[in-house]
Amino acid sequence: MAHFYLDDSLAAQLAGAEAPLGAIVRLTGPDARHAVTVSRVRPTERLRLGDGAGLIVEGEVVEASPQEVALRVEHVERAPEPRPRIVLVQALAKGDRDELAIQAATELGVDAIVPWQAARSISRWDAAKAEKGRARWATIVREASKQAIRPRVPEVAPLATTAAIAGLAASATVLVLDPLAEHPLTALDAAVLGDRDVVLVVGPEGGVAPEELAALTAAGGRGVRLGGTVLRTSTAGPAAIAVLSGMLGRW
């Protein structure tokens, strides 16, 4: 399989070409250096480049240096944004469990990620740490997107409060993962979900606090469970995304 790299200038490079096929596009910066010095990409090899917003091109490398890799475009794909989108609201968790969750969620097809400062989160992001934490999550998501050769890199939103998440129910279907919920996630189907965004809310190690669950359900969210076992915060979101991907016909 061809190596895959991301460059957000790709669409602009193609727009400046007379025709997409046969055009020369260039990968620069850290990704070019990684391609040449780590992956050992050389001329005549095949490579894929994406812009993270739905565009992927594939072709033959014609020049390769640590500063720049040039590719002659032979194939162009444009992936539309999926409807409905799957949004993961992931509570901050101790250790690296929240990071494991967003990495797997990205590989499995999540479309956006919202970090959540839940009441029972042991990990806390203060004002100074919030932007650093978000940037770290964005890096994890970007690398996971490259590994999975995803045409779209999920957006990582700013740190959210419970009130902000409850507000999403006005325009999206909010599903709170709760092992004690009456109905399983599999009781839903694509017809019920429609084309509104599906927001999956995953609590921290101690679960979603009763007052948070009450606030989310009062706003229109609904509790759903995954089987009869209690999953870790690092696996609950990815498991639910896998279920939804089958339900929505993505897989």
C-alpha atoms as a PDB file:
ATOM      1  CA  MET A   1       0.000   0.000   0.000  1.00  0.00           C
ATOM      2  CA  ALA A   2       1.274   3.488  -0.842  1.00  0.00           C
ATOM      3  CA  HIS A   3       2.427   5.690   2.008  1.00  0.00           C
ATOM      4  CA  PHE A   4      -0.073   8.405   2.983  1.00  0.00           C
ATOM      5  CA  TYR A   5       0.724  11.964   4.045  1.00  0.00           C
ATOM      6  CA  LEU A   6      -1.319  15.089   4.711  1.00  0.00           C
ATOM      7  CA  ASP A   7      -0.842  18.596   3.336  1.00  0.00           C
ATOM      8  CA  ASP A   8      -3.631  21.150   3.730  1.00  0.00           C
ATOM      9  CA  SER A   9      -2.393  23.092   0.683  1.00  0.00           C
ATOM     10  CA  LEU A  10      -3.198  20.201  -1.651  1.00  0.00           C
ATOM     11  CA  ALA A  11      -6.523  21.563  -2.938  1.00  0.00           C
ATOM     12  CA  ALA A  12      -4.923  24.932  -3.722  1.00  0.00           C
ATOM     13  CA  GLN A  13      -2.093  23.210  -5.571  1.00  0.00           C
ATOM     14  CA  LEU A  14      -4.560  21.292  -7.742  1.00  0.00           C
ATOM     15  CA  ALA A  15      -6.668  24.395  -8.321  1.00  0.00           C
ATOM     16  CA  GLY A  16      -3.633  26.101  -9.789  1.00  0.00           C
ATOM     17  CA  ALA A  17      -2.999  23.284 -12.270  1.00  0.00           C
ATOM     18  CA  GLU A  18      -4.402  23.201 -15.822  1.00  0.00           C
ATOM     19  CA  ALA A  19      -5.725  19.684 -15.194  1.00  0.00           C
ATOM     20  CA  PRO A  20      -5.653  17.517 -12.056  1.00  0.00           C
ATOM     21  CA  LEU A  21      -4.285  14.415 -13.760  1.00  0.00           C
ATOM     22  CA  GLY A  22      -0.641  14.869 -14.603  1.00  0.00           C
ATOM     23  CA  ALA A  23      -0.257  17.833 -12.288  1.00  0.00           C
ATOM     24  CA  ILE A  24       2.749  18.014  -9.984  1.00  0.00           C
ATOM     25  CA  VAL A  25       1.914  18.503  -6.297  1.00  0.00           C
ATOM     26  CA  ARG A  26       4.455  18.953  -3.556  1.00  0.00           C
ATOM     27  CA  LEU A  27       4.696  17.740   0.019  1.00  0.00           C
ATOM     28  CA  THR A  28       6.854  19.940   2.250  1.00  0.00           C
ATOM     29  CA  GLY A  29       7.679  20.425   5.928  1.00  0.00           C
ATOM     30  CA  PRO A  30       7.957  17.667   8.557  1.00  0.00           C
ATOM     31  CA  ASP A  31       5.947  15.179   6.491  1.00  0.00           C
ATOM     32  CA  ALA A  32       8.389  15.486   3.570  1.00  0.00           C
ATOM     33  CA  ARG A  33      11.311  14.967   5.904  1.00  0.00           C
ATOM     34  CA  HIS A  34       9.607  11.936   7.475  1.00  0.00           C
ATOM     35  CA  ALA A  35       8.793  10.478   4.047  1.00  0.00           C
ATOM     36  CA  VAL A  36      12.395  10.644   2.861  1.00  0.00           C
ATOM     37  CA  THR A  37      14.416  10.029   6.036  1.00  0.00           C
ATOM     38  CA  VAL A  38      12.149   7.559   7.876  1.00  0.00           C
ATOM     39  CA  SER A  39       9.926   5.895   5.260  1.00  0.00           C
ATOM     40  CA  ARG A  40      12.718   6.048   2.646  1.00  0.00           C
ATOM     41  CA  VAL A  41      10.425   7.261  -0.105  1.00  0.00           C
ATOM     42  CA  ARG A  42      12.288   7.525  -3.391  1.00  0.00           C
ATOM     43  CA  PRO A  43      11.468   8.549  -7.004  1.00  0.00           C
ATOM     44  CA  THR A  44       9.296   6.038  -8.938  1.00  0.00           C
ATOM     45  CA  GLU A  45       7.504   4.957  -5.742  1.00  0.00           C
ATOM     46  CA  ARG A  46       3.786   5.502  -5.415  1.00  0.00           C
ATOM     47  CA  LEU A  47       2.434   7.866  -2.788  1.00  0.00           C
ATOM     48  CA  ARG A  48      -0.888   9.211  -1.569  1.00  0.00           C
ATOM     49  CA  LEU A  49      -1.427  12.769  -0.388  1.00  0.00           C
ATOM     50  CA  GLY A  50      -4.530  14.156   1.286  1.00  0.00           C
ATOM     51  CA  ASP A  51      -5.636  17.560   2.513  1.00  0.00           C
ATOM     52  CA  GLY A  52      -7.620  16.228   5.480  1.00  0.00           C
ATOM     53  CA  ALA A  53     -10.815  17.750   4.080  1.00  0.00           C
ATOM     54  CA  GLY A  54     -11.892  14.992   1.685  1.00  0.00           C
ATOM     55  CA  LEU A  55      -9.313  15.200  -1.114  1.00  0.00           C
ATOM     56  CA  ILE A  56      -6.801  12.421  -1.792  1.00  0.00           C
ATOM     57  CA  VAL A  57      -4.463  12.130  -4.778  1.00  0.00           C
ATOM     58  CA  GLU A  58      -2.270   9.208  -5.726  1.00  0.00           C
ATOM     59  CA  GLY A  59       0.644   9.062  -8.114  1.00  0.00           C
ATOM     60  CA  GLU A  60       4.340   8.535  -8.742  1.00  0.00           C
ATOM     61  CA  VAL A  61       7.083  10.341  -6.870  1.00  0.00           C
ATOM     62  CA  VAL A  62       9.228  12.300  -9.331  1.00  0.00           C
ATOM     63  CA  GLU A  63      11.469  14.139  -6.830  1.00  0.00           C
ATOM     64  CA  ALA A  64      12.336  13.347  -3.221  1.00  0.00           C
ATOM     65  CA  SER A  65      14.379  15.334  -0.722  1.00  0.00           C
ATOM     66  CA  PRO A  66      14.003  16.025   2.995  1.00  0.00           C
ATOM     67  CA  GLN A  67      12.697  19.475   2.052  1.00  0.00           C
ATOM     68  CA  GLU A  68      10.197  18.467  -0.626  1.00  0.00           C
ATOM     69  CA  VAL A  69       8.577  15.445  -2.240  1.00  0.00           C
ATOM     70  CA  ALA A  70       7.048  16.010  -5.681  1.00  0.00           C
ATOM     71  CA  LEU A  71       4.278  13.736  -6.951  1.00  0.00           C
ATOM     72  CA  ARG A  72       2.765  13.423 -10.443  1.00  0.00           C
ATOM     73  CA  VAL A  73      -0.989  12.973  -9.958  1.00  0.00           C
ATOM     74  CA  GLU A  74      -2.505   9.885 -11.563  1.00  0.00           C
ATOM     75  CA  HIS A  75      -5.709   9.497  -9.557  1.00  0.00           C
ATOM     76  CA  VAL A  76      -7.950  11.898  -7.626  1.00  0.00           C
ATOM     77  CA  GLU A  77     -10.591  11.063  -5.001  1.00  0.00           C
ATOM     78  CA  ARG A  78     -12.994  13.489  -3.358  1.00  0.00           C
ATOM     79  CA  ALA A  79     -14.886  12.093  -0.379  1.00  0.00           C
ATOM     80  CA  PRO A  80     -18.039  13.964   0.661  1.00  0.00           C
ATOM     81  CA  GLU A  81     -18.658  14.702   4.310  1.00  0.00           C
ATOM     82  CA  PRO A  82     -20.737  11.832   5.733  1.00  0.00           C
ATOM     83  CA  ARG A  83     -24.295  12.351   6.900  1.00  0.00           C
ATOM     84  CA  PRO A  84     -25.027  11.903   9.675  1.00  0.00           C
ATOM     85  CA  ARG A  85     -21.718  12.697  11.297  1.00  0.00           C
ATOM     86  CA  ILE A  86     -20.572  10.747  14.356  1.00  0.00           C
ATOM     87  CA  VAL A  87     -19.277  13.015  17.110  1.00  0.00           C
ATOM     88  CA  LEU A  88     -17.475  11.611  20.161  1.00  0.00           C
ATOM     89  CA  VAL A  89     -17.687  13.552  23.409  1.00  0.00           C
ATOM     90  CA  GLN A  90     -14.843  11.972  25.363  1.00  0.00           C
ATOM     91  CA  ALA A  91     -14.451  12.715  29.067  1.00  0.00           C
ATOM     92  CA  LEU A  92     -10.941  13.462  30.263  1.00  0.00           C
ATOM     93  CA  ALA A  93      -9.478  10.355  31.887  1.00  0.00           C
ATOM     94  CA  LYS A  94      -6.407   9.480  33.881  1.00  0.00           C
ATOM     95  CA  GLY A  95      -3.264   8.141  32.297  1.00  0.00           C
ATOM     96  CA  ASP A  96      -3.563   7.862  28.554  1.00  0.00           C
ATOM     97  CA  ARG A  97      -7.022   6.283  28.418  1.00  0.00           C
ATOM     98  CA  ASP A  98      -8.690   9.283  26.811  1.00  0.00           C
ATOM     99  CA  GLU A  99      -5.909   9.432  24.221  1.00  0.00           C
ATOM    100  CA  LEU A 100      -6.306   5.727  23.460  1.00  0.00           C
ATOM    101  CA  ALA A 101     -10.021   6.348  23.002  1.00  0.00           C
ATOM    102  CA  ILE A 102      -9.634   9.147  20.472  1.00  0.00           C
ATOM    103  CA  GLN A 103      -6.921   7.295  18.566  1.00  0.00           C
ATOM    104  CA  ALA A 104      -9.116   4.222  18.099  1.00  0.00           C
ATOM    105  CA  ALA A 105     -12.197   6.353  17.427  1.00  0.00           C
ATOM    106  CA  THR A 106     -10.350   8.116  14.612  1.00  0.00           C
ATOM    107  CA  GLU A 107      -9.271   4.840  13.029  1.00  0.00           C
ATOM    108  CA  LEU A 108     -12.877   3.601  13.258  1.00  0.00           C
ATOM    109  CA  GLY A 109     -14.368   6.634  11.525  1.00  0.00           C
ATOM    110  CA  VAL A 110     -15.435   9.301  14.044  1.00  0.00           C
ATOM    111  CA  ASP A 111     -16.027  12.681  12.378  1.00  0.00           C
ATOM    112  CA  ALA A 112     -15.425  15.079  15.282  1.00  0.00           C
ATOM    113  CA  ILE A 113     -14.155  14.868  18.851  1.00  0.00           C
ATOM    114  CA  VAL A 114     -15.097  17.000  21.835  1.00  0.00           C
ATOM    115  CA  PRO A 115     -13.003  16.818  25.043  1.00  0.00           C
ATOM    116  CA  TRP A 116     -15.265  16.974  28.106  1.00  0.00           C
ATOM    117  CA  GLN A 117     -14.404  18.091  31.631  1.00  0.00           C
ATOM    118  CA  ALA A 118     -16.791  15.704  33.398  1.00  0.00           C
ATOM    119  CA  ALA A 119     -17.580  15.916  37.096  1.00  0.00           C
ATOM    120  CA  ARG A 120     -15.795  12.640  37.819  1.00  0.00           C
ATOM    121  CA  SER A 121     -12.781  13.285  35.571  1.00  0.00           C
ATOM    122  CA  ILE A 122      -9.607  12.727  37.562  1.00  0.00           C
ATOM    123  CA  SER A 123      -7.591  14.495  34.884  1.00  0.00           C
ATOM    124  CA  ARG A 124      -8.256  18.252  34.873  1.00  0.00           C
ATOM    125  CA  TRP A 125      -7.475  20.824  32.211  1.00  0.00           C
ATOM    126  CA  ASP A 126      -7.221  24.347  33.579  1.00  0.00           C
ATOM    127  CA  ALA A 127      -7.251  27.359  31.254  1.00  0.00           C
ATOM    128  CA  ALA A 128      -3.520  27.130  30.589  1.00  0.00           C
ATOM    129  CA  LYS A 129      -3.586  23.398  29.945  1.00  0.00           C
ATOM    130  CA  ALA A 130      -6.760  23.293  27.847  1.00  0.00           C
ATOM    131  CA  GLU A 131      -5.192  24.549  24.616  1.00  0.00           C
ATOM    132  CA  LYS A 132      -2.113  22.326  25.044  1.00  0.00           C
ATOM    133  CA  GLY A 133      -4.357  19.331  25.658  1.00  0.00           C
ATOM    134  CA  ARG A 134      -6.459  20.094  22.626  1.00  0.00           C
ATOM    135  CA  ALA A 135      -3.330  20.458  20.472  1.00  0.00           C
ATOM    136  CA  ARG A 136      -2.027  17.105  21.699  1.00  0.00           C
ATOM    137  CA  TRP A 137      -5.359  15.438  20.904  1.00  0.00           C
ATOM    138  CA  ALA A 138      -5.305  17.024  17.436  1.00  0.00           C
ATOM    139  CA  THR A 139      -1.846  15.559  16.817  1.00  0.00           C
ATOM    140  CA  ILE A 140      -3.019  12.100  17.885  1.00  0.00           C
ATOM    141  CA  VAL A 141      -6.050  12.382  15.615  1.00  0.00           C
ATOM    142  CA  ARG A 142      -3.939  13.533  12.663  1.00  0.00           C
ATOM    143  CA  GLU A 143      -1.489  10.651  13.021  1.00  0.00           C
ATOM    144  CA  ALA A 144      -4.313   8.126  13.386  1.00  0.00           C
ATOM    145  CA  SER A 145      -5.951   9.568  10.256  1.00  0.00           C
ATOM    146  CA  LYS A 146      -2.757   9.035   8.279  1.00  0.00           C
ATOM    147  CA  GLN A 147      -2.434   5.467   9.537  1.00  0.00           C
ATOM    148  CA  ALA A 148      -6.018   4.732   8.503  1.00  0.00           C
ATOM    149  CA  ILE A 149      -5.694   6.660   5.190  1.00  0.00           C
ATOM    150  CA  ARG A 150      -8.739   8.752   6.035  1.00  0.00           C
ATOM    151  CA  PRO A 151      -9.749  11.443   3.547  1.00  0.00           C
ATOM    152  CA  ARG A 152     -11.087  13.643   6.372  1.00  0.00           C
ATOM    153  CA  VAL A 153      -9.270  14.418   9.603  1.00  0.00           C
ATOM    154  CA  PRO A 154     -11.726  14.775  12.506  1.00  0.00           C
ATOM    155  CA  GLU A 155     -11.896  18.184  14.117  1.00  0.00           C
ATOM    156  CA  VAL A 156     -10.994  18.399  17.813  1.00  0.00           C
ATOM    157  CA  ALA A 157     -13.225  20.999  19.470  1.00  0.00           C
ATOM    158  CA  PRO A 158     -12.336  23.124  22.508  1.00  0.00           C
ATOM    159  CA  LEU A 159     -12.860  21.693  25.987  1.00  0.00           C
ATOM    160  CA  ALA A 160     -16.609  21.536  26.668  1.00  0.00           C
ATOM    161  CA  THR A 161     -18.770  21.757  29.764  1.00  0.00           C
ATOM    162  CA  THR A 162     -21.803  19.589  30.483  1.00  0.00           C
ATOM    163  CA  ALA A 163     -24.078  22.542  29.700  1.00  0.00           C
ATOM    164  CA  ALA A 164     -22.468  22.952  26.278  1.00  0.00           C
ATOM    165  CA  ILE A 165     -22.923  19.269  25.521  1.00  0.00           C
ATOM    166  CA  ALA A 166     -26.571  19.416  26.591  1.00  0.00           C
ATOM    167  CA  GLY A 167     -27.014  22.274  24.144  1.00  0.00           C
ATOM    168  CA  LEU A 168     -26.017  19.982  21.263  1.00  0.00           C
ATOM    169  CA  ALA A 169     -29.316  18.105  21.677  1.00  0.00           C
ATOM    170  CA  ALA A 170     -31.118  21.009  19.980  1.00  0.00           C
ATOM    171  CA  SER A 171     -29.626  20.033  16.610  1.00  0.00           C
ATOM    172  CA  ALA A 172     -28.200  16.525  17.107  1.00  0.00           C
ATOM    173  CA  THR A 173     -29.090  13.115  18.494  1.00  0.00           C
ATOM    174  CA  VAL A 174     -27.274  12.876  21.824  1.00  0.00           C
ATOM    175  CA  LEU A 175     -26.623   9.344  23.091  1.00  0.00           C
ATOM    176  CA  VAL A 176     -25.141   8.928  26.559  1.00  0.00           C
ATOM    177  CA  LEU A 177     -23.365   5.611  27.061  1.00  0.00           C
ATOM    178  CA  ASP A 178     -24.649   4.238  30.356  1.00  0.00           C
ATOM    179  CA  PRO A 179     -24.301   0.563  31.389  1.00  0.00           C
ATOM    180  CA  LEU A 180     -27.537   0.890  33.403  1.00  0.00           C
ATOM    181  CA  ALA A 181     -29.619   2.329  30.554  1.00  0.00           C
ATOM    182  CA  GLU A 182     -32.833   0.521  29.689  1.00  0.00           C
ATOM    183  CA  HIS A 183     -32.285   0.352  25.931  1.00  0.00           C
ATOM    184  CA  PRO A 184     -29.235  -0.978  24.059  1.00  0.00           C
ATOM    185  CA  LEU A 185     -27.586   1.044  21.322  1.00  0.00           C
ATOM    186  CA  THR A 186     -28.545  -1.699  18.867  1.00  0.00           C
ATOM    187  CA  ALA A 187     -32.237  -0.908  19.453  1.00  0.00           C
ATOM    188  CA  LEU A 188     -31.762   2.163  17.244  1.00  0.00           C
ATOM    189  CA  ASP A 189     -31.535   2.091  13.471  1.00  0.00           C
ATOM    190  CA  ALA A 190     -30.603   4.437  10.630  1.00  0.00           C
ATOM    191  CA  ALA A 191     -34.227   5.494  10.097  1.00  0.00           C
ATOM    192  CA  VAL A 192     -34.510   6.617  13.716  1.00  0.00           C
ATOM    193  CA  LEU A 193     -31.197   8.490  13.589  1.00  0.00           C
ATOM    194  CA  GLY A 194     -32.024  10.344  10.360  1.00  0.00           C
ATOM    195  CA  ASP A 195     -29.416  12.828   9.123  1.00  0.00           C
ATOM    196  CA  ARG A 196     -28.811  14.728  12.370  1.00  0.00           C
ATOM    197  CA  ASP A 197     -25.352  14.421  13.882  1.00  0.00           C
ATOM    198  CA  VAL A 198     -25.050  11.528  16.334  1.00  0.00           C
ATOM    199  CA  VAL A 199     -23.255  12.667  19.496  1.00  0.00           C
ATOM    200  CA  LEU A 200     -21.847   9.858  21.665  1.00  0.00           C
ATOM    201  CA  VAL A 201     -21.135  10.920  25.250  1.00  0.00           C
ATOM    202  CA  VAL A 202     -18.581   8.800  27.127  1.00  0.00           C
ATOM    203  CA  GLY A 203     -17.907   9.382  30.807  1.00  0.00           C
ATOM    204  CA  PRO A 204     -14.624   9.033  32.720  1.00  0.00           C
ATOM    205  CA  GLU A 205     -13.506   6.130  34.909  1.00  0.00           C
ATOM    206  CA  GLY A 206     -16.269   6.706  37.445  1.00  0.00           C
ATOM    207  CA  GLY A 207     -18.954   7.050  34.806  1.00  0.00           C
ATOM    208  CA  VAL A 208     -21.351   9.910  34.072  1.00  0.00           C
ATOM    209  CA  ALA A 209     -22.483  11.543  37.317  1.00  0.00           C
ATOM    210  CA  PRO A 210     -26.251  11.393  38.072  1.00  0.00           C
ATOM    211  CA  GLU A 211     -26.633  15.168  37.810  1.00  0.00           C
ATOM    212  CA  GLU A 212     -24.882  15.158  34.432  1.00  0.00           C
ATOM    213  CA  LEU A 213     -27.083  12.345  33.141  1.00  0.00           C
ATOM    214  CA  ALA A 214     -30.146  14.241  34.358  1.00  0.00           C
ATOM    215  CA  ALA A 215     -29.036  17.433  32.599  1.00  0.00           C
ATOM    216  CA  LEU A 216     -28.311  15.622  29.338  1.00  0.00           C
ATOM    217  CA  THR A 217     -31.577  13.682  29.285  1.00  0.00           C
ATOM    218  CA  ALA A 218     -33.581  16.793  30.249  1.00  0.00           C
ATOM    219  CA  ALA A 219     -32.119  18.497  27.176  1.00  0.00           C
ATOM    220  CA  GLY A 220     -33.260  15.629  24.935  1.00  0.00           C
ATOM    221  CA  GLY A 221     -30.403  13.158  25.177  1.00  0.00           C
ATOM    222  CA  ARG A 222     -31.019   9.477  25.767  1.00  0.00           C
ATOM    223  CA  GLY A 223     -29.114   6.835  27.657  1.00  0.00           C
ATOM    224  CA  VAL A 224     -28.049   3.694  25.789  1.00  0.00           C
ATOM    225  CA  ARG A 225     -25.971   0.708  26.809  1.00  0.00           C
ATOM    226  CA  LEU A 226     -23.490  -1.585  25.099  1.00  0.00           C
ATOM    227  CA  GLY A 227     -24.257  -5.195  25.997  1.00  0.00           C
ATOM    228  CA  GLY A 228     -24.250  -6.422  29.563  1.00  0.00           C
ATOM    229  CA  THR A 229     -20.684  -5.544  30.521  1.00  0.00           C
ATOM    230  CA  VAL A 230     -19.052  -2.335  31.717  1.00  0.00           C
ATOM    231  CA  LEU A 231     -16.416  -1.085  29.271  1.00  0.00           C
ATOM    232  CA  ARG A 232     -13.470   1.152  30.087  1.00  0.00           C
ATOM    233  CA  THR A 233     -13.646   4.778  29.020  1.00  0.00           C
ATOM    234  CA  SER A 234     -10.928   3.953  26.472  1.00  0.00           C
ATOM    235  CA  THR A 235     -13.031   1.282  24.735  1.00  0.00           C
ATOM    236  CA  ALA A 236     -16.660   2.379  25.139  1.00  0.00           C
ATOM    237  CA  GLY A 237     -16.578   5.112  22.493  1.00  0.00           C
ATOM    238  CA  PRO A 238     -14.763   3.059  19.840  1.00  0.00           C
ATOM    239  CA  ALA A 239     -17.147   0.123  20.466  1.00  0.00           C
ATOM    240  CA  ALA A 240     -20.177   2.366  19.989  1.00  0.00           C
ATOM    241  CA  ILE A 241     -18.680   3.874  16.832  1.00  0.00           C
ATOM    242  CA  ALA A 242     -18.249   0.382  15.403  1.00  0.00           C
ATOM    243  CA  VAL A 243     -21.928  -0.376  16.098  1.00  0.00           C
ATOM    244  CA  LEU A 244     -23.044   2.906  14.529  1.00  0.00           C
ATOM    245  CA  SER A 245     -20.822   2.396  11.475  1.00  0.00           C
ATOM    246  CA  GLY A 246     -22.611  -0.856  10.716  1.00  0.00           C
ATOM    247  CA  MET A 247     -25.993   0.659  11.497  1.00  0.00           C
ATOM    248  CA  LEU A 248     -25.422   3.619   9.165  1.00  0.00           C
ATOM    249  CA  GLY A 249     -24.079   1.494   6.308  1.00  0.00           C
ATOM    250  CA  ARG A 250     -20.549   2.819   6.509  1.00  0.00           C
ATOM    251  CA  TRP A 251     -19.123  -0.693   6.847  1.00  0.00           C
END
